[in-house]
PDB file of N, CA and C in Angstrom:
ATOM      1  N   MET A   1       0.842  -1.180   0.000  1.00  0.00           N
ATOM      2  CA  MET A   1       0.000   0.000   0.000  1.00  0.00           C
ATOM      3  C   MET A   1       0.891   1.249   0.000  1.00  0.00           C
ATOM      4  N   LYS A   2       0.607   2.149  -0.914  1.00  0.00           N
ATOM      5  CA  LYS A   2       1.381   3.392  -1.004  1.00  0.00           C
ATOM      6  C   LYS A   2       0.871   4.398   0.028  1.00  0.00           C
ATOM      7  N   LYS A   3       1.819   5.133   0.616  1.00  0.00           N
ATOM      8  CA  LYS A   3       1.440   6.219   1.524  1.00  0.00           C
ATOM      9  C   LYS A   3       0.931   7.388   0.689  1.00  0.00           C
ATOM     10  N   ILE A   4       0.154   8.242   1.311  1.00  0.00           N
ATOM     11  CA  ILE A   4      -0.421   9.392   0.610  1.00  0.00           C
ATOM     12  C   ILE A   4       0.687  10.273   0.026  1.00  0.00           C
ATOM     13  N   GLU A   5       1.786  10.421   0.747  1.00  0.00           N
ATOM     14  CA  GLU A   5       2.891  11.240   0.261  1.00  0.00           C
ATOM     15  C   GLU A   5       3.492  10.659  -1.017  1.00  0.00           C
ATOM     16  N   GLU A   6       3.549   9.340  -1.112  1.00  0.00           N
ATOM     17  CA  GLU A   6       4.080   8.695  -2.317  1.00  0.00           C
ATOM     18  C   GLU A   6       3.159   8.929  -3.510  1.00  0.00           C
ATOM     19  N   ILE A   7       1.865   8.835  -3.283  1.00  0.00           N
ATOM     20  CA  ILE A   7       0.899   9.048  -4.363  1.00  0.00           C
ATOM     21  C   ILE A   7       0.987  10.480  -4.867  1.00  0.00           C
ATOM     22  N   VAL A   8       1.023  11.429  -3.948  1.00  0.00           N
ATOM     23  CA  VAL A   8       1.089  12.840  -4.336  1.00  0.00           C
ATOM     24  C   VAL A   8       2.415  13.153  -5.024  1.00  0.00           C
ATOM     25  N   SER A   9       3.497  12.511  -4.606  1.00  0.00           N
ATOM     26  CA  SER A   9       4.799  12.776  -5.224  1.00  0.00           C
ATOM     27  C   SER A   9       4.855  12.322  -6.680  1.00  0.00           C
ATOM     28  N   GLU A  10       3.958  11.444  -7.085  1.00  0.00           N
ATOM     29  CA  GLU A  10       3.913  10.957  -8.466  1.00  0.00           C
ATOM     30  C   GLU A  10       3.120  11.885  -9.397  1.00  0.00           C
ATOM     31  N   LEU A  11       2.484  12.898  -8.847  1.00  0.00           N
ATOM     32  CA  LEU A  11       1.693  13.820  -9.665  1.00  0.00           C
ATOM     33  C   LEU A  11       2.602  14.740 -10.475  1.00  0.00           C
ATOM     34  N   SER A  12       2.088  15.177 -11.595  1.00  0.00           N
ATOM     35  CA  SER A  12       2.826  16.143 -12.410  1.00  0.00           C
ATOM     36  C   SER A  12       2.739  17.527 -11.766  1.00  0.00           C
ATOM     37  N   ASN A  13       3.593  18.411 -12.215  1.00  0.00           N
ATOM     38  CA  ASN A  13       3.532  19.791 -11.723  1.00  0.00           C
ATOM     39  C   ASN A  13       2.178  20.420 -12.041  1.00  0.00           C
ATOM     40  N   GLU A  14       1.632  20.098 -13.194  1.00  0.00           N
ATOM     41  CA  GLU A  14       0.328  20.644 -13.585  1.00  0.00           C
ATOM     42  C   GLU A  14      -0.773  20.136 -12.652  1.00  0.00           C
ATOM     43  N   GLN A  15      -0.710  18.878 -12.257  1.00  0.00           N
ATOM     44  CA  GLN A  15      -1.703  18.332 -11.338  1.00  0.00           C
ATOM     45  C   GLN A  15      -1.578  18.983  -9.963  1.00  0.00           C
ATOM     46  N   LEU A  16      -0.344  19.225  -9.522  1.00  0.00           N
ATOM     47  CA  LEU A  16      -0.150  19.914  -8.242  1.00  0.00           C
ATOM     48  C   LEU A  16      -0.695  21.339  -8.307  1.00  0.00           C
ATOM     49  N   LYS A  17      -0.480  21.983  -9.434  1.00  0.00           N
ATOM     50  CA  LYS A  17      -0.981  23.346  -9.634  1.00  0.00           C
ATOM     51  C   LYS A  17      -2.515  23.358  -9.561  1.00  0.00           C
ATOM     52  N   GLN A  18      -3.133  22.357 -10.186  1.00  0.00           N
ATOM     53  CA  GLN A  18      -4.587  22.237 -10.132  1.00  0.00           C
ATOM     54  C   GLN A  18      -5.040  22.010  -8.682  1.00  0.00           C
ATOM     55  N   GLY A  19      -4.317  21.158  -7.960  1.00  0.00           N
ATOM     56  CA  GLY A  19      -4.635  20.912  -6.553  1.00  0.00           C
ATOM     57  C   GLY A  19      -4.544  22.177  -5.726  1.00  0.00           C
ATOM     58  N   PHE A  20      -3.520  22.996  -5.995  1.00  0.00           N
ATOM     59  CA  PHE A  20      -3.377  24.256  -5.272  1.00  0.00           C
ATOM     60  C   PHE A  20      -4.556  25.178  -5.543  1.00  0.00           C
ATOM     61  N   SER A  21      -4.996  25.227  -6.777  1.00  0.00           N
ATOM     62  CA  SER A  21      -6.162  26.034  -7.137  1.00  0.00           C
ATOM     63  C   SER A  21      -7.401  25.539  -6.390  1.00  0.00           C
ATOM     64  N   GLU A  22      -7.558  24.230  -6.293  1.00  0.00           N
ATOM     65  CA  GLU A  22      -8.695  23.655  -5.567  1.00  0.00           C
ATOM     66  C   GLU A  22      -8.614  23.996  -4.075  1.00  0.00           C
ATOM     67  N   ILE A  23      -7.402  23.951  -3.512  1.00  0.00           N
ATOM     68  CA  ILE A  23      -7.217  24.300  -2.099  1.00  0.00           C
ATOM     69  C   ILE A  23      -7.575  25.756  -1.857  1.00  0.00           C
ATOM     70  N   ASN A  24      -7.142  26.651  -2.757  1.00  0.00           N
ATOM     71  CA  ASN A  24      -7.486  28.078  -2.635  1.00  0.00           C
ATOM     72  C   ASN A  24      -8.996  28.281  -2.627  1.00  0.00           C
ATOM     73  N   ALA A  25      -9.677  27.652  -3.576  1.00  0.00           N
ATOM     74  CA  ALA A  25     -11.133  27.782  -3.651  1.00  0.00           C
ATOM     75  C   ALA A  25     -11.787  27.189  -2.409  1.00  0.00           C
ATOM     76  N   TRP A  26     -11.273  26.069  -1.937  1.00  0.00           N
ATOM     77  CA  TRP A  26     -11.795  25.389  -0.756  1.00  0.00           C
ATOM     78  C   TRP A  26     -11.699  26.293   0.470  1.00  0.00           C
ATOM     79  N   ARG A  27     -10.573  26.973   0.612  1.00  0.00           N
ATOM     80  CA  ARG A  27     -10.391  27.885   1.750  1.00  0.00           C
ATOM     81  C   ARG A  27     -11.338  29.094   1.669  1.00  0.00           C
ATOM     82  N   LYS A  28     -11.621  29.542   0.460  1.00  0.00           N
ATOM     83  CA  LYS A  28     -12.501  30.705   0.288  1.00  0.00           C
ATOM     84  C   LYS A  28     -13.971  30.359   0.469  1.00  0.00           C
ATOM     85  N   THR A  29     -14.368  29.199  -0.064  1.00  0.00           N
ATOM     86  CA  THR A  29     -15.791  28.844  -0.084  1.00  0.00           C
ATOM     87  C   THR A  29     -16.203  27.822   0.968  1.00  0.00           C
ATOM     88  N   GLY A  30     -15.232  27.065   1.461  1.00  0.00           N
ATOM     89  CA  GLY A  30     -15.550  25.998   2.398  1.00  0.00           C
ATOM     90  C   GLY A  30     -16.037  24.731   1.706  1.00  0.00           C
ATOM     91  N   VAL A  31     -15.986  24.728   0.370  1.00  0.00           N
ATOM     92  CA  VAL A  31     -16.452  23.574  -0.406  1.00  0.00           C
ATOM     93  C   VAL A  31     -15.305  23.078  -1.280  1.00  0.00           C
ATOM     94  N   LEU A  32     -15.013  21.786  -1.168  1.00  0.00           N
ATOM     95  CA  LEU A  32     -13.984  21.177  -1.999  1.00  0.00           C
ATOM     96  C   LEU A  32     -14.638  20.645  -3.263  1.00  0.00           C
ATOM     97  N   SER A  33     -14.203  21.151  -4.400  1.00  0.00           N
ATOM     98  CA  SER A  33     -14.773  20.734  -5.681  1.00  0.00           C
ATOM     99  C   SER A  33     -14.351  19.309  -6.024  1.00  0.00           C
ATOM    100  N   ASN A  34     -15.030  18.737  -7.005  1.00  0.00           N
ATOM    101  CA  ASN A  34     -14.622  17.441  -7.533  1.00  0.00           C
ATOM    102  C   ASN A  34     -13.452  17.694  -8.468  1.00  0.00           C
ATOM    103  N   GLY A  35     -12.290  17.205  -8.087  1.00  0.00           N
ATOM    104  CA  GLY A  35     -11.094  17.442  -8.880  1.00  0.00           C
ATOM    105  C   GLY A  35      -9.983  16.518  -8.445  1.00  0.00           C
ATOM    106  N   ILE A  36      -8.767  16.992  -8.605  1.00  0.00           N
ATOM    107  CA  ILE A  36      -7.586  16.170  -8.348  1.00  0.00           C
ATOM    108  C   ILE A  36      -7.473  15.780  -6.877  1.00  0.00           C
ATOM    109  N   ILE A  37      -7.825  16.656  -5.966  1.00  0.00           N
ATOM    110  CA  ILE A  37      -7.700  16.331  -4.542  1.00  0.00           C
ATOM    111  C   ILE A  37      -8.656  15.211  -4.161  1.00  0.00           C
ATOM    112  N   ARG A  38      -9.890  15.307  -4.583  1.00  0.00           N
ATOM    113  CA  ARG A  38     -10.841  14.220  -4.299  1.00  0.00           C
ATOM    114  C   ARG A  38     -10.433  12.932  -5.016  1.00  0.00           C
ATOM    115  N   GLU A  39      -9.899  13.068  -6.218  1.00  0.00           N
ATOM    116  CA  GLU A  39      -9.456  11.898  -6.980  1.00  0.00           C
ATOM    117  C   GLU A  39      -8.335  11.155  -6.244  1.00  0.00           C
ATOM    118  N   ILE A  40      -7.344  11.889  -5.751  1.00  0.00           N
ATOM    119  CA  ILE A  40      -6.231  11.277  -5.029  1.00  0.00           C
ATOM    120  C   ILE A  40      -6.710  10.726  -3.694  1.00  0.00           C
ATOM    121  N   HIS A  41      -7.612  11.428  -3.030  1.00  0.00           N
ATOM    122  CA  HIS A  41      -8.177  10.933  -1.772  1.00  0.00           C
ATOM    123  C   HIS A  41      -8.860   9.587  -1.989  1.00  0.00           C
ATOM    124  N   LYS A  42      -9.645   9.501  -3.045  1.00  0.00           N
ATOM    125  CA  LYS A  42     -10.344   8.257  -3.361  1.00  0.00           C
ATOM    126  C   LYS A  42      -9.345   7.143  -3.666  1.00  0.00           C
ATOM    127  N   LYS A  43      -8.331   7.451  -4.465  1.00  0.00           N
ATOM    128  CA  LYS A  43      -7.308   6.463  -4.820  1.00  0.00           C
ATOM    129  C   LYS A  43      -6.624   5.935  -3.560  1.00  0.00           C
ATOM    130  N   TYR A  44      -6.290   6.831  -2.644  1.00  0.00           N
ATOM    131  CA  TYR A  44      -5.599   6.442  -1.414  1.00  0.00           C
ATOM    132  C   TYR A  44      -6.496   5.603  -0.508  1.00  0.00           C
ATOM    133  N   THR A  45      -7.698   6.048  -0.272  1.00  0.00           N
ATOM    134  CA  THR A  45      -8.567   5.349   0.679  1.00  0.00           C
ATOM    135  C   THR A  45      -9.062   4.015   0.145  1.00  0.00           C
ATOM    136  N   GLU A  46      -9.216   3.886  -1.164  1.00  0.00           N
ATOM    137  CA  GLU A  46      -9.710   2.626  -1.722  1.00  0.00           C
ATOM    138  C   GLU A  46      -8.642   1.554  -1.842  1.00  0.00           C
ATOM    139  N   GLN A  47      -7.377   1.932  -1.850  1.00  0.00           N
ATOM    140  CA  GLN A  47      -6.323   0.938  -2.022  1.00  0.00           C
ATOM    141  C   GLN A  47      -6.206   0.008  -0.813  1.00  0.00           C
ATOM    142  N   GLY A  48      -6.625   0.448   0.334  1.00  0.00           N
ATOM    143  CA  GLY A  48      -6.511  -0.400   1.512  1.00  0.00           C
ATOM    144  C   GLY A  48      -7.659  -0.188   2.478  1.00  0.00           C
ATOM    145  N   ASP A  49      -8.776   0.312   1.955  1.00  0.00           N
ATOM    146  CA  ASP A  49      -9.942   0.609   2.788  1.00  0.00           C
ATOM    147  C   ASP A  49      -9.526   1.445   4.002  1.00  0.00           C
ATOM    148  N   VAL A  50      -8.815   2.528   3.721  1.00  0.00           N
ATOM    149  CA  VAL A  50      -8.264   3.414   4.740  1.00  0.00           C
ATOM    150  C   VAL A  50      -9.270   4.509   5.079  1.00  0.00           C
ATOM    151  N   ASP A  51      -9.384   4.825   6.360  1.00  0.00           N
ATOM    152  CA  ASP A  51     -10.215   5.938   6.800  1.00  0.00           C
ATOM    153  C   ASP A  51      -9.306   7.158   6.952  1.00  0.00           C
ATOM    154  N   TYR A  52      -9.337   8.043   5.976  1.00  0.00           N
ATOM    155  CA  TYR A  52      -8.473   9.220   5.948  1.00  0.00           C
ATOM    156  C   TYR A  52      -9.348  10.416   5.622  1.00  0.00           C
ATOM    157  N   PRO A  53      -9.582  11.315   6.576  1.00  0.00           N
ATOM    158  CA  PRO A  53     -10.461  12.458   6.321  1.00  0.00           C
ATOM    159  C   PRO A  53      -9.985  13.308   5.149  1.00  0.00           C
ATOM    160  N   VAL A  54     -10.913  13.722   4.316  1.00  0.00           N
ATOM    161  CA  VAL A  54     -10.555  14.498   3.127  1.00  0.00           C
ATOM    162  C   VAL A  54      -9.903  15.821   3.498  1.00  0.00           C
ATOM    163  N   TYR A  55     -10.241  16.375   4.656  1.00  0.00           N
ATOM    164  CA  TYR A  55      -9.651  17.660   5.023  1.00  0.00           C
ATOM    165  C   TYR A  55      -8.165  17.536   5.376  1.00  0.00           C
ATOM    166  N   TYR A  56      -7.629  16.322   5.501  1.00  0.00           N
ATOM    167  CA  TYR A  56      -6.191  16.119   5.697  1.00  0.00           C
ATOM    168  C   TYR A  56      -5.414  16.213   4.384  1.00  0.00           C
ATOM    169  N   MET A  57      -6.103  16.236   3.270  1.00  0.00           N
ATOM    170  CA  MET A  57      -5.452  16.191   1.962  1.00  0.00           C
ATOM    171  C   MET A  57      -4.628  17.435   1.653  1.00  0.00           C
ATOM    172  N   GLU A  58      -4.937  18.531   2.269  1.00  0.00           N
ATOM    173  CA  GLU A  58      -4.225  19.772   1.986  1.00  0.00           C
ATOM    174  C   GLU A  58      -2.728  19.641   2.287  1.00  0.00           C
ATOM    175  N   ASN A  59      -2.395  19.042   3.399  1.00  0.00           N
ATOM    176  CA  ASN A  59      -1.003  18.967   3.830  1.00  0.00           C
ATOM    177  C   ASN A  59      -0.087  18.226   2.851  1.00  0.00           C
ATOM    178  N   PRO A  60      -0.430  17.018   2.383  1.00  0.00           N
ATOM    179  CA  PRO A  60       0.478  16.350   1.445  1.00  0.00           C
ATOM    180  C   PRO A  60       0.678  17.120   0.141  1.00  0.00           C
ATOM    181  N   PHE A  61      -0.372  17.791  -0.329  1.00  0.00           N
ATOM    182  CA  PHE A  61      -0.242  18.577  -1.562  1.00  0.00           C
ATOM    183  C   PHE A  61       0.694  19.759  -1.346  1.00  0.00           C
ATOM    184  N   LEU A  62       0.467  20.514  -0.284  1.00  0.00           N
ATOM    185  CA  LEU A  62       1.295  21.693  -0.030  1.00  0.00           C
ATOM    186  C   LEU A  62       2.738  21.303   0.267  1.00  0.00           C
ATOM    187  N   TYR A  63       2.937  20.195   0.987  1.00  0.00           N
ATOM    188  CA  TYR A  63       4.290  19.727   1.270  1.00  0.00           C
ATOM    189  C   TYR A  63       5.028  19.388  -0.030  1.00  0.00           C
ATOM    190  N   GLU A  64       4.362  18.663  -0.918  1.00  0.00           N
ATOM    191  CA  GLU A  64       5.008  18.256  -2.165  1.00  0.00           C
ATOM    192  C   GLU A  64       5.358  19.470  -3.025  1.00  0.00           C
ATOM    193  N   MET A  65       4.489  20.474  -3.050  1.00  0.00           N
ATOM    194  CA  MET A  65       4.794  21.688  -3.811  1.00  0.00           C
ATOM    195  C   MET A  65       6.025  22.388  -3.245  1.00  0.00           C
ATOM    196  N   ALA A  66       6.088  22.506  -1.932  1.00  0.00           N
ATOM    197  CA  ALA A  66       7.240  23.159  -1.290  1.00  0.00           C
ATOM    198  C   ALA A  66       8.509  22.335  -1.495  1.00  0.00           C
ATOM    199  N   ARG A  67       8.399  21.008  -1.379  1.00  0.00           N
ATOM    200  CA  ARG A  67       9.566  20.133  -1.557  1.00  0.00           C
ATOM    201  C   ARG A  67      10.158  20.314  -2.945  1.00  0.00           C
ATOM    202  N   ARG A  68       9.312  20.331  -3.946  1.00  0.00           N
ATOM    203  CA  ARG A  68       9.800  20.492  -5.319  1.00  0.00           C
ATOM    204  C   ARG A  68      10.415  21.864  -5.538  1.00  0.00           C
ATOM    205  N   HIS A  69       9.795  22.872  -4.990  1.00  0.00           N
ATOM    206  CA  HIS A  69      10.295  24.234  -5.166  1.00  0.00           C
ATOM    207  C   HIS A  69      11.676  24.412  -4.529  1.00  0.00           C
ATOM    208  N   TYR A  70      11.836  23.925  -3.317  1.00  0.00           N
ATOM    209  CA  TYR A  70      13.083  24.161  -2.592  1.00  0.00           C
ATOM    210  C   TYR A  70      14.162  23.131  -2.898  1.00  0.00           C
ATOM    211  N   SER A  71      13.823  22.081  -3.629  1.00  0.00           N
ATOM    212  CA  SER A  71      14.818  21.085  -4.012  1.00  0.00           C
ATOM    213  C   SER A  71      15.506  21.455  -5.313  1.00  0.00           C
ATOM    214  N   GLU A  72      15.001  22.447  -6.006  1.00  0.00           N
ATOM    215  CA  GLU A  72      15.569  22.841  -7.307  1.00  0.00           C
ATOM    216  C   GLU A  72      16.845  23.616  -7.136  1.00  0.00           C
TER     217      GLU A  72
END
């Protein structure tokens, strides 16, 4: 079973950018749209019947964006 960080690390820069846009909208409206974040959440939770709250998804996305930026 892959950890959430491993799944997010496999995303393209464009997918991370889309996730960031979804996070911005989520913070403004309080509603998470159907998009890359929900898609990755579903992929993660279904691989091992894991109970992982969707509101935890922000952290792995933001971490991966920062990791890529500061590793360059």
